Amino acid sequence: MNMRILESLQREAILSDLKSQDKKGILEELVAPVARIAGVGHEDLMRVLLERERLGSTGIGGGIGIPHGKLKDLETHVLGFGLSRKGVNFESMDGQPTHIFFLLITPENYTEIHLKLLARLSRILKHEPFKERLLNAANGDEIYSIIKEEDDEF
C-alpha cells in the first residue's frame, strides 16, 4: 500500500516561512496548525515531540528534520510541513542547518502506519530535485503542488 503524503497533510499545516532559530521554537510553530487540525492540545503535542527529541534528534541530516510522536487520544495521523529559509540548528546528525521539516503525529496503536510514513518521507527526501524545489518554493500553495507531484510519481 502506498502511503500518500497529501492524505495526511492539509494545506493549512504547510508553513512556508518558519521564523524560529532554535529547535523548540520550530516545534512550537509546526505544532500550532497540526494540534488544531488533530483536535489535540498544543502542550500535549509539544511534550510528546520534545520527549522524542531527547531520545535522539530527528534531524536526519541533509537539511531534513522529521519530528514525530504518538498520542493516545488521536483519531488519525496528521502531518505538518515547514520550511526554514535560513536554516536552523536542529541538532542534526551531520551538524548542518535544517531547512525542511515534516512533522508526523500518529495515534499510539498506529505503529505500522507511523513507520510506513516515516519510511516514505525519508525516501522521497533523498530525491535531490524534490528537496531543491521545496527550498525554492515561493509559498505554501507552491509547496503543496510540489508535494502533490512527488506523491503522484513515487
C-alpha atoms as a PDB file:
ATOM      1  CA  MET A   1       0.000   0.000   0.000  1.00  0.00           C
ATOM      2  CA  ASN A   2       1.415   3.352  -0.995  1.00  0.00           C
ATOM      3  CA  MET A   3       1.012   5.983   1.694  1.00  0.00           C
ATOM      4  CA  ARG A   4       0.298   9.303   0.051  1.00  0.00           C
ATOM      5  CA  ILE A   5       1.600  12.301   1.876  1.00  0.00           C
ATOM      6  CA  LEU A   6      -1.268  14.606   0.984  1.00  0.00           C
ATOM      7  CA  GLU A   7      -3.775  12.215   2.520  1.00  0.00           C
ATOM      8  CA  SER A   8      -2.479  13.343   5.898  1.00  0.00           C
ATOM      9  CA  LEU A   9      -1.075  16.799   5.131  1.00  0.00           C
ATOM     10  CA  GLN A  10      -3.625  19.583   4.966  1.00  0.00           C
ATOM     11  CA  ARG A  11      -2.906  22.838   3.178  1.00  0.00           C
ATOM     12  CA  GLU A  12      -3.153  24.899   6.385  1.00  0.00           C
ATOM     13  CA  ALA A  13      -0.461  22.745   8.023  1.00  0.00           C
ATOM     14  CA  ILE A  14       2.078  23.871   5.394  1.00  0.00           C
ATOM     15  CA  LEU A  15       4.219  26.698   6.755  1.00  0.00           C
ATOM     16  CA  SER A  16       6.401  28.234   4.062  1.00  0.00           C
ATOM     17  CA  ASP A  17       8.456  30.558   6.244  1.00  0.00           C
ATOM     18  CA  LEU A  18       9.377  29.319   9.713  1.00  0.00           C
ATOM     19  CA  LYS A  19      10.856  32.149  11.772  1.00  0.00           C
ATOM     20  CA  SER A  20      12.324  30.425  14.833  1.00  0.00           C
ATOM     21  CA  GLN A  21      16.044  29.998  15.272  1.00  0.00           C
ATOM     22  CA  ASP A  22      16.002  27.062  17.690  1.00  0.00           C
ATOM     23  CA  LYS A  23      14.543  23.577  17.937  1.00  0.00           C
ATOM     24  CA  LYS A  24      11.842  24.322  20.497  1.00  0.00           C
ATOM     25  CA  GLY A  25      10.665  27.394  18.584  1.00  0.00           C
ATOM     26  CA  ILE A  26      10.483  25.471  15.305  1.00  0.00           C
ATOM     27  CA  LEU A  27       8.452  22.731  17.002  1.00  0.00           C
ATOM     28  CA  GLU A  28       6.091  25.330  18.514  1.00  0.00           C
ATOM     29  CA  GLU A  29       5.472  26.779  15.038  1.00  0.00           C
ATOM     30  CA  LEU A  30       4.956  23.367  13.406  1.00  0.00           C
ATOM     31  CA  VAL A  31       2.678  22.163  16.204  1.00  0.00           C
ATOM     32  CA  ALA A  32       0.231  25.109  16.089  1.00  0.00           C
ATOM     33  CA  PRO A  33      -1.746  24.135  12.938  1.00  0.00           C
ATOM     34  CA  VAL A  34      -1.288  20.383  13.478  1.00  0.00           C
ATOM     35  CA  ALA A  35      -2.709  20.483  17.024  1.00  0.00           C
ATOM     36  CA  ARG A  36      -5.687  22.449  15.689  1.00  0.00           C
ATOM     37  CA  ILE A  37      -6.330  20.017  12.819  1.00  0.00           C
ATOM     38  CA  ALA A  38      -5.866  16.960  15.057  1.00  0.00           C
ATOM     39  CA  GLY A  39      -8.019  18.447  17.815  1.00  0.00           C
ATOM     40  CA  VAL A  40      -5.333  17.905  20.456  1.00  0.00           C
ATOM     41  CA  GLY A  41      -3.727  20.222  22.985  1.00  0.00           C
ATOM     42  CA  HIS A  42      -0.695  22.207  21.860  1.00  0.00           C
ATOM     43  CA  GLU A  43       1.145  21.384  25.118  1.00  0.00           C
ATOM     44  CA  ASP A  44       0.397  17.651  24.873  1.00  0.00           C
ATOM     45  CA  LEU A  45       1.791  17.528  21.377  1.00  0.00           C
ATOM     46  CA  MET A  46       4.875  19.577  22.312  1.00  0.00           C
ATOM     47  CA  ARG A  47       5.563  17.269  25.251  1.00  0.00           C
ATOM     48  CA  VAL A  48       5.440  14.142  23.078  1.00  0.00           C
ATOM     49  CA  LEU A  49       7.726  15.672  20.446  1.00  0.00           C
ATOM     50  CA  LEU A  50      10.262  17.005  22.949  1.00  0.00           C
ATOM     51  CA  GLU A  51      10.364  13.606  24.687  1.00  0.00           C
ATOM     52  CA  ARG A  52      11.094  12.018  21.320  1.00  0.00           C
ATOM     53  CA  GLU A  53      13.869  14.563  20.601  1.00  0.00           C
ATOM     54  CA  ARG A  54      15.512  13.685  23.915  1.00  0.00           C
ATOM     55  CA  LEU A  55      15.930  10.097  22.689  1.00  0.00           C
ATOM     56  CA  GLY A  56      17.866  11.420  19.708  1.00  0.00           C
ATOM     57  CA  SER A  57      17.425  14.260  17.274  1.00  0.00           C
ATOM     58  CA  THR A  58      15.008  13.749  14.393  1.00  0.00           C
ATOM     59  CA  GLY A  59      17.285  15.999  12.327  1.00  0.00           C
ATOM     60  CA  ILE A  60      18.280  13.216   9.944  1.00  0.00           C
ATOM     61  CA  GLY A  61      20.846  15.263   8.021  1.00  0.00           C
ATOM     62  CA  GLY A  62      20.855  16.704   4.525  1.00  0.00           C
ATOM     63  CA  GLY A  63      18.836  19.684   5.741  1.00  0.00           C
ATOM     64  CA  ILE A  64      15.882  17.491   6.783  1.00  0.00           C
ATOM     65  CA  GLY A  65      14.048  17.161  10.094  1.00  0.00           C
ATOM     66  CA  ILE A  66      11.186  14.731  10.695  1.00  0.00           C
ATOM     67  CA  PRO A  67       9.981  15.353  14.244  1.00  0.00           C
ATOM     68  CA  HIS A  68       7.413  12.722  15.158  1.00  0.00           C
ATOM     69  CA  GLY A  69       5.480  11.262  18.039  1.00  0.00           C
ATOM     70  CA  LYS A  70       2.453   9.254  19.099  1.00  0.00           C
ATOM     71  CA  LEU A  71      -0.554  10.456  21.065  1.00  0.00           C
ATOM     72  CA  LYS A  72      -3.113   8.092  22.508  1.00  0.00           C
ATOM     73  CA  ASP A  73      -6.322  10.109  22.095  1.00  0.00           C
ATOM     74  CA  LEU A  74      -5.699  10.931  18.465  1.00  0.00           C
ATOM     75  CA  GLU A  75      -8.243   9.770  15.876  1.00  0.00           C
ATOM     76  CA  THR A  76      -5.928   9.560  12.870  1.00  0.00           C
ATOM     77  CA  HIS A  77      -2.441  10.527  11.768  1.00  0.00           C
ATOM     78  CA  VAL A  78      -1.653  14.121  10.853  1.00  0.00           C
ATOM     79  CA  LEU A  79       1.310  15.640   9.041  1.00  0.00           C
ATOM     80  CA  GLY A  80       2.660  19.157   9.108  1.00  0.00           C
ATOM     81  CA  PHE A  81       5.278  20.776   6.892  1.00  0.00           C
ATOM     82  CA  GLY A  82       7.569  23.704   7.488  1.00  0.00           C
ATOM     83  CA  LEU A  83      10.316  25.457   5.587  1.00  0.00           C
ATOM     84  CA  SER A  84      13.047  27.399   7.367  1.00  0.00           C
ATOM     85  CA  ARG A  85      14.666  29.524   4.681  1.00  0.00           C
ATOM     86  CA  LYS A  86      17.680  30.485   6.795  1.00  0.00           C
ATOM     87  CA  GLY A  87      18.035  27.022   8.265  1.00  0.00           C
ATOM     88  CA  VAL A  88      18.136  26.276  11.958  1.00  0.00           C
ATOM     89  CA  ASN A  89      20.286  24.221  14.318  1.00  0.00           C
ATOM     90  CA  PHE A  90      18.109  21.143  14.888  1.00  0.00           C
ATOM     91  CA  GLU A  91      20.979  19.103  16.365  1.00  0.00           C
ATOM     92  CA  SER A  92      21.147  17.304  13.067  1.00  0.00           C
ATOM     93  CA  MET A  93      23.223  14.123  12.651  1.00  0.00           C
ATOM     94  CA  ASP A  94      25.526  15.834  10.150  1.00  0.00           C
ATOM     95  CA  GLY A  95      25.755  19.060  12.140  1.00  0.00           C
ATOM     96  CA  GLN A  96      24.307  21.049   9.215  1.00  0.00           C
ATOM     97  CA  PRO A  97      21.402  23.524   9.467  1.00  0.00           C
ATOM     98  CA  THR A  98      17.943  22.046   8.907  1.00  0.00           C
ATOM     99  CA  HIS A  99      15.612  23.662   6.358  1.00  0.00           C
ATOM    100  CA  ILE A 100      12.849  21.180   5.543  1.00  0.00           C
ATOM    101  CA  PHE A 101      10.582  19.825   8.268  1.00  0.00           C
ATOM    102  CA  PHE A 102       7.859  17.211   8.167  1.00  0.00           C
ATOM    103  CA  LEU A 103       6.044  16.788  11.472  1.00  0.00           C
ATOM    104  CA  LEU A 104       4.272  13.443  11.920  1.00  0.00           C
ATOM    105  CA  ILE A 105       1.865  12.646  14.700  1.00  0.00           C
ATOM    106  CA  THR A 106       0.047   9.298  14.899  1.00  0.00           C
ATOM    107  CA  PRO A 107      -2.258   7.537  17.361  1.00  0.00           C
ATOM    108  CA  GLU A 108      -0.429   5.168  19.704  1.00  0.00           C
ATOM    109  CA  ASN A 109      -1.744   1.994  18.037  1.00  0.00           C
ATOM    110  CA  TYR A 110      -0.775   3.110  14.506  1.00  0.00           C
ATOM    111  CA  THR A 111       2.753   1.718  14.646  1.00  0.00           C
ATOM    112  CA  GLU A 112       2.689   0.303  11.109  1.00  0.00           C
ATOM    113  CA  ILE A 113       1.339   3.493   9.524  1.00  0.00           C
ATOM    114  CA  HIS A 114       3.788   5.540  11.594  1.00  0.00           C
ATOM    115  CA  LEU A 115       6.741   3.536  10.281  1.00  0.00           C
ATOM    116  CA  LYS A 116       5.437   3.479   6.691  1.00  0.00           C
ATOM    117  CA  LEU A 117       5.010   7.247   6.602  1.00  0.00           C
ATOM    118  CA  LEU A 118       8.443   7.835   8.132  1.00  0.00           C
ATOM    119  CA  ALA A 119       9.965   5.498   5.553  1.00  0.00           C
ATOM    120  CA  ARG A 120       8.116   7.219   2.703  1.00  0.00           C
ATOM    121  CA  LEU A 121       9.183  10.676   3.860  1.00  0.00           C
ATOM    122  CA  SER A 122      12.815   9.707   4.211  1.00  0.00           C
ATOM    123  CA  ARG A 123      12.696   8.013   0.801  1.00  0.00           C
ATOM    124  CA  ILE A 124      11.289  10.958  -1.149  1.00  0.00           C
ATOM    125  CA  LEU A 125      13.515  13.390   0.739  1.00  0.00           C
ATOM    126  CA  LYS A 126      16.547  11.564  -0.652  1.00  0.00           C
ATOM    127  CA  HIS A 127      15.372  12.815  -4.048  1.00  0.00           C
ATOM    128  CA  GLU A 128      17.534  15.940  -4.503  1.00  0.00           C
ATOM    129  CA  PRO A 129      15.427  17.715  -7.175  1.00  0.00           C
ATOM    130  CA  PHE A 130      12.397  17.439  -4.872  1.00  0.00           C
ATOM    131  CA  LYS A 131      14.353  18.999  -1.992  1.00  0.00           C
ATOM    132  CA  GLU A 132      15.674  21.772  -4.237  1.00  0.00           C
ATOM    133  CA  ARG A 133      12.178  22.623  -5.438  1.00  0.00           C
ATOM    134  CA  LEU A 134      10.841  22.726  -1.877  1.00  0.00           C
ATOM    135  CA  LEU A 135      13.690  25.012  -0.787  1.00  0.00           C
ATOM    136  CA  ASN A 136      12.933  27.404  -3.630  1.00  0.00           C
ATOM    137  CA  ALA A 137       9.138  27.363  -3.323  1.00  0.00           C
ATOM    138  CA  ALA A 138       7.631  30.833  -3.019  1.00  0.00           C
ATOM    139  CA  ASN A 139       4.701  29.962  -0.763  1.00  0.00           C
ATOM    140  CA  GLY A 140       2.515  27.253   0.741  1.00  0.00           C
ATOM    141  CA  ASP A 141       0.475  26.724  -2.425  1.00  0.00           C
ATOM    142  CA  GLU A 142       3.607  26.050  -4.404  1.00  0.00           C
ATOM    143  CA  ILE A 143       4.875  23.666  -1.717  1.00  0.00           C
ATOM    144  CA  TYR A 144       1.530  21.841  -1.843  1.00  0.00           C
ATOM    145  CA  SER A 145       1.814  21.408  -5.645  1.00  0.00           C
ATOM    146  CA  ILE A 146       5.415  20.209  -5.429  1.00  0.00           C
ATOM    147  CA  ILE A 147       4.462  17.580  -2.826  1.00  0.00           C
ATOM    148  CA  LYS A 148       1.452  16.556  -4.916  1.00  0.00           C
ATOM    149  CA  GLU A 149       3.652  15.950  -7.988  1.00  0.00           C
ATOM    150  CA  GLU A 150       6.089  13.884  -5.928  1.00  0.00           C
ATOM    151  CA  ASP A 151       3.187  11.943  -4.401  1.00  0.00           C
ATOM    152  CA  ASP A 152       1.949  11.078  -7.888  1.00  0.00           C
ATOM    153  CA  GLU A 153       5.392   9.997  -9.081  1.00  0.00           C
ATOM    154  CA  PHE A 154       6.638   7.817  -6.253  1.00  0.00           C
END
